[in-house]
Amino acid sequence: MVDTPSPTLENFIAHCAWGQALSTRELGVVLRDATELRFARKEHIAKAGTVAEAWIGIIDGFGVHSVTDSEGTTSFLAAGSSGAWFGEGTLMKSERWGYDAVALRDTRVASVPKQIFDWLRATSLPFNHALQEIMNRRLAVFIGNAAVARHASLEGRVAHVLVNLLASAQAAPSAAVVKVSQCELAMLAGISRQHANKALKNLQDRGLLALGKGEIEVTDPGSLSRATQMRRAQALPA
């Protein structure tokens, strides 16, 4: 796998799916007011209970969304790697963040102010179509999470996490690289690192992915998606 340089804020926004849908004037307005923020590992990108003031896109890095109850138990909801956007639902309802978004490694994000986000929603039909696609993908992720938690094998759960990360990054339906460590993937799949490593090795042996340092290249997204349906009866031995 060949390392690709991290994009600038301007290139990141201009080349994402919704950025490409904008007119030249609309894109210029967004780029004028968007800012880049940097977060260290374990730092909050968004904190539950605080006012949501911007739409967030991950330029480079990795973030996880979670909620913590009164007893301190944390439940992971979703994760996003480079290319993922989040917070649109909260902004549309003018609410405070209902979850924590935490960087799992040094992370750069694009911050689009709420007033620009609201302006695009009010004036740009192409933007609304792109936004609808983002939200539809996220709905599919949460429905899939419920099914996988009940029925999937270990390989299926690992494949499901990778498919979700590809979807959140709006990746093309061809070979794509997910920047996630095997330890992070195990955490998101809710299994031990040992089991995650075994599952990844099996998926690699089947030609669905290639393992790298801190990243995984998905070489056959279609087959990997079908692997999420593997049942528990096919689970790897402990």
C-alpha atoms as a PDB file:
ATOM      1  CA  MET A   1       0.000   0.000   0.000  1.00  0.00           C
ATOM      2  CA  VAL A   2       1.226   3.468  -0.902  1.00  0.00           C
ATOM      3  CA  ASP A   3       0.833   6.279   1.607  1.00  0.00           C
ATOM      4  CA  THR A   4      -1.170   9.198   0.250  1.00  0.00           C
ATOM      5  CA  PRO A   5      -0.552  12.719   1.537  1.00  0.00           C
ATOM      6  CA  SER A   6      -3.141  14.177   3.863  1.00  0.00           C
ATOM      7  CA  PRO A   7      -5.322  16.724   2.016  1.00  0.00           C
ATOM      8  CA  THR A   8      -5.539  20.396   2.844  1.00  0.00           C
ATOM      9  CA  LEU A   9      -8.789  21.730   4.302  1.00  0.00           C
ATOM     10  CA  GLU A  10      -9.706  23.247   0.944  1.00  0.00           C
ATOM     11  CA  ASN A  11      -9.027  20.081  -1.053  1.00  0.00           C
ATOM     12  CA  PHE A  12     -10.821  17.927   1.492  1.00  0.00           C
ATOM     13  CA  ILE A  13     -14.054  19.937   1.273  1.00  0.00           C
ATOM     14  CA  ALA A  14     -13.865  20.528  -2.481  1.00  0.00           C
ATOM     15  CA  HIS A  15     -13.458  16.812  -3.240  1.00  0.00           C
ATOM     16  CA  CYS A  16     -15.939  15.284  -0.792  1.00  0.00           C
ATOM     17  CA  ALA A  17     -19.280  14.195  -2.266  1.00  0.00           C
ATOM     18  CA  TRP A  18     -21.298  17.172  -1.037  1.00  0.00           C
ATOM     19  CA  GLY A  19     -18.526  19.641  -1.884  1.00  0.00           C
ATOM     20  CA  GLN A  20     -18.537  18.455  -5.479  1.00  0.00           C
ATOM     21  CA  ALA A  21     -22.305  19.017  -5.605  1.00  0.00           C
ATOM     22  CA  LEU A  22     -21.991  22.739  -4.801  1.00  0.00           C
ATOM     23  CA  SER A  23     -21.830  25.587  -7.272  1.00  0.00           C
ATOM     24  CA  THR A  24     -18.598  27.562  -7.519  1.00  0.00           C
ATOM     25  CA  ARG A  25     -20.160  30.383  -5.493  1.00  0.00           C
ATOM     26  CA  GLU A  26     -21.503  28.046  -2.791  1.00  0.00           C
ATOM     27  CA  LEU A  27     -18.165  26.281  -2.459  1.00  0.00           C
ATOM     28  CA  GLY A  28     -16.413  29.633  -2.155  1.00  0.00           C
ATOM     29  CA  VAL A  29     -18.679  30.658   0.723  1.00  0.00           C
ATOM     30  CA  VAL A  30     -18.028  27.370   2.527  1.00  0.00           C
ATOM     31  CA  LEU A  31     -14.255  27.590   2.088  1.00  0.00           C
ATOM     32  CA  ARG A  32     -14.257  31.188   3.279  1.00  0.00           C
ATOM     33  CA  ASP A  33     -15.827  30.308   6.648  1.00  0.00           C
ATOM     34  CA  ALA A  34     -14.682  26.716   7.246  1.00  0.00           C
ATOM     35  CA  THR A  35     -11.793  26.179   9.647  1.00  0.00           C
ATOM     36  CA  GLU A  36      -9.393  23.359  10.413  1.00  0.00           C
ATOM     37  CA  LEU A  37      -9.064  22.084  13.982  1.00  0.00           C
ATOM     38  CA  ARG A  38      -6.566  19.629  15.410  1.00  0.00           C
ATOM     39  CA  PHE A  39      -7.160  17.213  18.268  1.00  0.00           C
ATOM     40  CA  ALA A  40      -4.682  15.062  20.139  1.00  0.00           C
ATOM     41  CA  ARG A  41      -5.343  11.409  20.967  1.00  0.00           C
ATOM     42  CA  LYS A  42      -8.162  11.028  23.554  1.00  0.00           C
ATOM     43  CA  GLU A  43      -9.190  14.681  23.169  1.00  0.00           C
ATOM     44  CA  HIS A  44     -12.864  15.527  22.687  1.00  0.00           C
ATOM     45  CA  ILE A  45     -13.871  16.628  19.198  1.00  0.00           C
ATOM     46  CA  ALA A  46     -17.401  17.143  20.533  1.00  0.00           C
ATOM     47  CA  LYS A  47     -18.571  16.811  24.129  1.00  0.00           C
ATOM     48  CA  ALA A  48     -22.008  15.620  25.217  1.00  0.00           C
ATOM     49  CA  GLY A  49     -24.145  18.446  26.604  1.00  0.00           C
ATOM     50  CA  THR A  50     -22.294  21.277  24.867  1.00  0.00           C
ATOM     51  CA  VAL A  51     -23.840  23.451  22.157  1.00  0.00           C
ATOM     52  CA  ALA A  52     -23.314  22.103  18.634  1.00  0.00           C
ATOM     53  CA  GLU A  53     -21.977  24.999  16.569  1.00  0.00           C
ATOM     54  CA  ALA A  54     -20.531  23.292  13.486  1.00  0.00           C
ATOM     55  CA  TRP A  55     -20.730  20.351  11.109  1.00  0.00           C
ATOM     56  CA  ILE A  56     -17.606  18.219  11.482  1.00  0.00           C
ATOM     57  CA  GLY A  57     -15.645  16.270   8.876  1.00  0.00           C
ATOM     58  CA  ILE A  58     -12.569  14.164   9.581  1.00  0.00           C
ATOM     59  CA  ILE A  59      -9.750  15.236   7.266  1.00  0.00           C
ATOM     60  CA  ASP A  60      -7.231  12.816   8.694  1.00  0.00           C
ATOM     61  CA  GLY A  61      -7.441  10.657  11.794  1.00  0.00           C
ATOM     62  CA  PHE A  62      -9.994   8.579  13.608  1.00  0.00           C
ATOM     63  CA  GLY A  63     -12.854   9.379  15.985  1.00  0.00           C
ATOM     64  CA  VAL A  64     -15.350   7.348  17.941  1.00  0.00           C
ATOM     65  CA  HIS A  65     -18.827   8.352  19.150  1.00  0.00           C
ATOM     66  CA  SER A  66     -19.988   7.113  22.536  1.00  0.00           C
ATOM     67  CA  VAL A  67     -22.372   7.742  25.418  1.00  0.00           C
ATOM     68  CA  THR A  68     -21.587   7.259  29.110  1.00  0.00           C
ATOM     69  CA  ASP A  69     -24.245   6.559  31.729  1.00  0.00           C
ATOM     70  CA  SER A  70     -24.389   7.826  35.314  1.00  0.00           C
ATOM     71  CA  GLU A  71     -22.408   4.804  36.522  1.00  0.00           C
ATOM     72  CA  GLY A  72     -19.547   5.493  34.136  1.00  0.00           C
ATOM     73  CA  THR A  73     -20.289   2.710  31.664  1.00  0.00           C
ATOM     74  CA  THR A  74     -19.445   3.720  28.106  1.00  0.00           C
ATOM     75  CA  SER A  75     -21.248   2.400  25.031  1.00  0.00           C
ATOM     76  CA  PHE A  76     -19.759   2.911  21.577  1.00  0.00           C
ATOM     77  CA  LEU A  77     -22.223   4.081  18.927  1.00  0.00           C
ATOM     78  CA  ALA A  78     -20.194   4.597  15.777  1.00  0.00           C
ATOM     79  CA  ALA A  79     -16.777   5.502  14.447  1.00  0.00           C
ATOM     80  CA  GLY A  80     -15.468   7.646  11.639  1.00  0.00           C
ATOM     81  CA  SER A  81     -12.161   7.773   9.794  1.00  0.00           C
ATOM     82  CA  SER A  82     -10.837  10.116   7.130  1.00  0.00           C
ATOM     83  CA  GLY A  83     -13.690  11.383   4.952  1.00  0.00           C
ATOM     84  CA  ALA A  84     -16.498  10.962   7.496  1.00  0.00           C
ATOM     85  CA  TRP A  85     -18.875  13.792   8.444  1.00  0.00           C
ATOM     86  CA  PHE A  86     -21.064  13.930  11.526  1.00  0.00           C
ATOM     87  CA  GLY A  87     -23.364  16.187  13.530  1.00  0.00           C
ATOM     88  CA  GLU A  88     -25.895  17.096  10.848  1.00  0.00           C
ATOM     89  CA  GLY A  89     -28.840  15.674  12.809  1.00  0.00           C
ATOM     90  CA  THR A  90     -27.898  17.644  15.912  1.00  0.00           C
ATOM     91  CA  LEU A  91     -27.509  20.849  13.892  1.00  0.00           C
ATOM     92  CA  MET A  92     -30.839  20.371  12.102  1.00  0.00           C
ATOM     93  CA  LYS A  93     -32.589  20.114  15.472  1.00  0.00           C
ATOM     94  CA  SER A  94     -30.510  22.947  17.002  1.00  0.00           C
ATOM     95  CA  GLU A  95     -29.672  20.688  19.918  1.00  0.00           C
ATOM     96  CA  ARG A  96     -26.684  20.131  22.157  1.00  0.00           C
ATOM     97  CA  TRP A  97     -24.383  17.210  21.432  1.00  0.00           C
ATOM     98  CA  GLY A  98     -26.045  14.028  22.671  1.00  0.00           C
ATOM     99  CA  TYR A  99     -22.821  12.013  22.589  1.00  0.00           C
ATOM    100  CA  ASP A 100     -19.071  12.361  22.939  1.00  0.00           C
ATOM    101  CA  ALA A 101     -16.845  12.303  19.879  1.00  0.00           C
ATOM    102  CA  VAL A 102     -13.279  11.476  20.879  1.00  0.00           C
ATOM    103  CA  ALA A 103     -10.129  11.275  18.767  1.00  0.00           C
ATOM    104  CA  LEU A 104      -8.454   7.871  19.019  1.00  0.00           C
ATOM    105  CA  ARG A 105      -5.319   9.269  17.415  1.00  0.00           C
ATOM    106  CA  ASP A 106      -4.065  12.713  16.408  1.00  0.00           C
ATOM    107  CA  THR A 107      -6.875  13.982  14.203  1.00  0.00           C
ATOM    108  CA  ARG A 108      -7.503  16.929  11.868  1.00  0.00           C
ATOM    109  CA  VAL A 109     -11.086  17.994  11.276  1.00  0.00           C
ATOM    110  CA  ALA A 110     -12.939  20.448   9.065  1.00  0.00           C
ATOM    111  CA  SER A 111     -15.436  22.627  10.912  1.00  0.00           C
ATOM    112  CA  VAL A 112     -18.289  24.169   8.881  1.00  0.00           C
ATOM    113  CA  PRO A 113     -20.218  26.745  10.971  1.00  0.00           C
ATOM    114  CA  LYS A 114     -23.877  26.007  11.677  1.00  0.00           C
ATOM    115  CA  GLN A 115     -25.025  29.156   9.886  1.00  0.00           C
ATOM    116  CA  ILE A 116     -23.305  27.999   6.675  1.00  0.00           C
ATOM    117  CA  PHE A 117     -24.742  24.506   7.073  1.00  0.00           C
ATOM    118  CA  ASP A 118     -28.239  25.991   7.565  1.00  0.00           C
ATOM    119  CA  TRP A 119     -27.767  28.309   4.561  1.00  0.00           C
ATOM    120  CA  LEU A 120     -26.836  25.390   2.299  1.00  0.00           C
ATOM    121  CA  ARG A 121     -29.862  23.424   3.480  1.00  0.00           C
ATOM    122  CA  ALA A 122     -32.131  26.379   2.739  1.00  0.00           C
ATOM    123  CA  THR A 123     -30.727  27.236  -0.695  1.00  0.00           C
ATOM    124  CA  SER A 124     -29.016  24.233  -2.323  1.00  0.00           C
ATOM    125  CA  LEU A 125     -30.998  21.256  -3.596  1.00  0.00           C
ATOM    126  CA  PRO A 126     -27.821  19.344  -4.614  1.00  0.00           C
ATOM    127  CA  PHE A 127     -26.476  19.806  -1.092  1.00  0.00           C
ATOM    128  CA  ASN A 128     -29.691  18.412   0.376  1.00  0.00           C
ATOM    129  CA  HIS A 129     -29.483  15.388  -1.907  1.00  0.00           C
ATOM    130  CA  ALA A 130     -25.899  14.752  -0.782  1.00  0.00           C
ATOM    131  CA  LEU A 131     -26.893  15.237   2.849  1.00  0.00           C
ATOM    132  CA  GLN A 132     -29.765  12.815   2.442  1.00  0.00           C
ATOM    133  CA  GLU A 133     -27.343  10.202   1.132  1.00  0.00           C
ATOM    134  CA  ILE A 134     -25.050  10.686   4.147  1.00  0.00           C
ATOM    135  CA  MET A 135     -27.953  10.293   6.577  1.00  0.00           C
ATOM    136  CA  ASN A 136     -29.343   7.289   4.699  1.00  0.00           C
ATOM    137  CA  ARG A 137     -25.977   5.549   4.963  1.00  0.00           C
ATOM    138  CA  ARG A 138     -25.858   6.262   8.670  1.00  0.00           C
ATOM    139  CA  LEU A 139     -29.349   4.819   9.181  1.00  0.00           C
ATOM    140  CA  ALA A 140     -28.245   1.676   7.376  1.00  0.00           C
ATOM    141  CA  VAL A 141     -25.228   1.459   9.672  1.00  0.00           C
ATOM    142  CA  PHE A 142     -27.331   1.538  12.831  1.00  0.00           C
ATOM    143  CA  ILE A 143     -29.803  -1.020  11.497  1.00  0.00           C
ATOM    144  CA  GLY A 144     -26.874  -3.225  10.520  1.00  0.00           C
ATOM    145  CA  ASN A 145     -25.301  -2.812  13.955  1.00  0.00           C
ATOM    146  CA  ALA A 146     -28.411  -4.215  15.617  1.00  0.00           C
ATOM    147  CA  ALA A 147     -28.490  -7.261  13.335  1.00  0.00           C
ATOM    148  CA  VAL A 148     -24.760  -7.943  13.615  1.00  0.00           C
ATOM    149  CA  ALA A 149     -24.795  -7.722  17.423  1.00  0.00           C
ATOM    150  CA  ARG A 150     -27.428 -10.473  17.517  1.00  0.00           C
ATOM    151  CA  HIS A 151     -26.360 -12.820  14.755  1.00  0.00           C
ATOM    152  CA  ALA A 152     -22.919 -12.282  13.231  1.00  0.00           C
ATOM    153  CA  SER A 153     -19.825 -14.407  13.673  1.00  0.00           C
ATOM    154  CA  LEU A 154     -16.535 -12.835  14.720  1.00  0.00           C
ATOM    155  CA  GLU A 155     -15.491 -12.480  11.097  1.00  0.00           C
ATOM    156  CA  GLY A 156     -18.866 -10.956  10.313  1.00  0.00           C
ATOM    157  CA  ARG A 157     -18.511  -8.405  13.107  1.00  0.00           C
ATOM    158  CA  VAL A 158     -15.025  -7.383  11.970  1.00  0.00           C
ATOM    159  CA  ALA A 159     -16.188  -7.136   8.359  1.00  0.00           C
ATOM    160  CA  HIS A 160     -19.162  -5.049   9.478  1.00  0.00           C
ATOM    161  CA  VAL A 161     -16.918  -2.501  11.214  1.00  0.00           C
ATOM    162  CA  LEU A 162     -14.751  -2.152   8.115  1.00  0.00           C
ATOM    163  CA  VAL A 163     -17.771  -1.779   5.828  1.00  0.00           C
ATOM    164  CA  ASN A 164     -19.158   0.924   8.127  1.00  0.00           C
ATOM    165  CA  LEU A 165     -15.876   2.828   8.086  1.00  0.00           C
ATOM    166  CA  LEU A 166     -15.828   2.718   4.297  1.00  0.00           C
ATOM    167  CA  ALA A 167     -19.410   3.971   4.196  1.00  0.00           C
ATOM    168  CA  SER A 168     -18.756   6.789   6.669  1.00  0.00           C
ATOM    169  CA  ALA A 169     -15.841   7.950   4.519  1.00  0.00           C
ATOM    170  CA  GLN A 170     -18.068   7.860   1.403  1.00  0.00           C
ATOM    171  CA  ALA A 171     -15.487   5.610  -0.236  1.00  0.00           C
ATOM    172  CA  ALA A 172     -15.800   4.560  -3.846  1.00  0.00           C
ATOM    173  CA  PRO A 173     -16.949   0.955  -4.501  1.00  0.00           C
ATOM    174  CA  SER A 174     -13.412  -0.139  -5.385  1.00  0.00           C
ATOM    175  CA  ALA A 175     -10.299  -0.976  -3.394  1.00  0.00           C
ATOM    176  CA  ALA A 176     -10.024   1.491  -0.493  1.00  0.00           C
ATOM    177  CA  VAL A 177      -7.791   1.980   2.530  1.00  0.00           C
ATOM    178  CA  VAL A 178      -9.231   2.250   6.042  1.00  0.00           C
ATOM    179  CA  LYS A 179      -6.843   3.862   8.498  1.00  0.00           C
ATOM    180  CA  VAL A 180      -7.579   1.863  11.629  1.00  0.00           C
ATOM    181  CA  SER A 181      -5.343  -0.253  13.841  1.00  0.00           C
ATOM    182  CA  GLN A 182      -6.230  -3.821  14.706  1.00  0.00           C
ATOM    183  CA  CYS A 183      -6.602  -2.779  18.356  1.00  0.00           C
ATOM    184  CA  GLU A 184      -9.087  -0.039  17.433  1.00  0.00           C
ATOM    185  CA  LEU A 185     -10.986  -2.402  15.181  1.00  0.00           C
ATOM    186  CA  ALA A 186     -11.280  -4.978  17.974  1.00  0.00           C
ATOM    187  CA  MET A 187     -12.692  -2.313  20.306  1.00  0.00           C
ATOM    188  CA  LEU A 188     -15.275  -1.220  17.750  1.00  0.00           C
ATOM    189  CA  ALA A 189     -16.279  -4.817  17.019  1.00  0.00           C
ATOM    190  CA  GLY A 190     -16.648  -5.545  20.739  1.00  0.00           C
ATOM    191  CA  ILE A 191     -14.276  -8.522  20.668  1.00  0.00           C
ATOM    192  CA  SER A 192     -10.780  -9.276  21.951  1.00  0.00           C
ATOM    193  CA  ARG A 193      -7.755  -8.211  19.943  1.00  0.00           C
ATOM    194  CA  GLN A 194      -6.769 -11.870  19.586  1.00  0.00           C
ATOM    195  CA  HIS A 195     -10.119 -12.743  18.002  1.00  0.00           C
ATOM    196  CA  ALA A 196      -9.988  -9.653  15.792  1.00  0.00           C
ATOM    197  CA  ASN A 197      -6.523 -10.636  14.557  1.00  0.00           C
ATOM    198  CA  LYS A 198      -7.729 -14.166  13.715  1.00  0.00           C
ATOM    199  CA  ALA A 199     -10.755 -12.800  11.888  1.00  0.00           C
ATOM    200  CA  LEU A 200      -8.638 -10.332   9.902  1.00  0.00           C
ATOM    201  CA  LYS A 201      -6.170 -13.059   8.955  1.00  0.00           C
ATOM    202  CA  ASN A 202      -9.011 -15.260   7.677  1.00  0.00           C
ATOM    203  CA  LEU A 203     -10.497 -12.380   5.683  1.00  0.00           C
ATOM    204  CA  GLN A 204      -7.070 -11.647   4.239  1.00  0.00           C
ATOM    205  CA  ASP A 205      -6.564 -15.292   3.285  1.00  0.00           C
ATOM    206  CA  ARG A 206      -9.860 -15.100   1.389  1.00  0.00           C
ATOM    207  CA  GLY A 207      -8.528 -12.140  -0.611  1.00  0.00           C
ATOM    208  CA  LEU A 208     -10.941  -9.572   0.818  1.00  0.00           C
ATOM    209  CA  LEU A 209      -8.351  -7.290   2.403  1.00  0.00           C
ATOM    210  CA  ALA A 210      -4.644  -6.669   2.942  1.00  0.00           C
ATOM    211  CA  LEU A 211      -3.227  -5.804   6.357  1.00  0.00           C
ATOM    212  CA  GLY A 212      -0.807  -2.916   6.812  1.00  0.00           C
ATOM    213  CA  LYS A 213       0.644  -0.963   9.710  1.00  0.00           C
ATOM    214  CA  GLY A 214      -2.187   1.114  11.158  1.00  0.00           C
ATOM    215  CA  GLU A 215      -4.368   0.585   8.102  1.00  0.00           C
ATOM    216  CA  ILE A 216      -6.287  -2.051   6.181  1.00  0.00           C
ATOM    217  CA  GLU A 217      -6.758  -2.112   2.427  1.00  0.00           C
ATOM    218  CA  VAL A 218     -10.143  -3.486   1.416  1.00  0.00           C
ATOM    219  CA  THR A 219      -9.483  -5.188  -1.904  1.00  0.00           C
ATOM    220  CA  ASP A 220     -12.959  -6.639  -2.464  1.00  0.00           C
ATOM    221  CA  PRO A 221     -15.625  -4.389  -0.867  1.00  0.00           C
ATOM    222  CA  GLY A 222     -18.516  -6.396  -2.321  1.00  0.00           C
ATOM    223  CA  SER A 223     -17.369  -9.699  -0.847  1.00  0.00           C
ATOM    224  CA  LEU A 224     -16.469  -8.013   2.440  1.00  0.00           C
ATOM    225  CA  SER A 225     -20.012  -6.643   2.665  1.00  0.00           C
ATOM    226  CA  ARG A 226     -21.412 -10.136   2.138  1.00  0.00           C
ATOM    227  CA  ALA A 227     -19.063 -11.442   4.853  1.00  0.00           C
ATOM    228  CA  THR A 228     -20.925  -9.319   7.416  1.00  0.00           C
ATOM    229  CA  GLN A 229     -23.774 -11.843   7.097  1.00  0.00           C
ATOM    230  CA  MET A 230     -21.654 -14.769   8.360  1.00  0.00           C
ATOM    231  CA  ARG A 231     -23.528 -16.388  11.240  1.00  0.00           C
ATOM    232  CA  ARG A 232     -22.277 -17.248  14.709  1.00  0.00           C
ATOM    233  CA  ALA A 233     -22.216 -20.929  13.858  1.00  0.00           C
ATOM    234  CA  GLN A 234     -19.207 -20.105  11.706  1.00  0.00           C
ATOM    235  CA  ALA A 235     -17.452 -18.161  14.456  1.00  0.00           C
ATOM    236  CA  LEU A 236     -13.728 -18.606  14.980  1.00  0.00           C
ATOM    237  CA  PRO A 237     -12.615 -20.897  17.816  1.00  0.00           C
ATOM    238  CA  ALA A 238     -11.577 -19.198  21.051  1.00  0.00           C
END
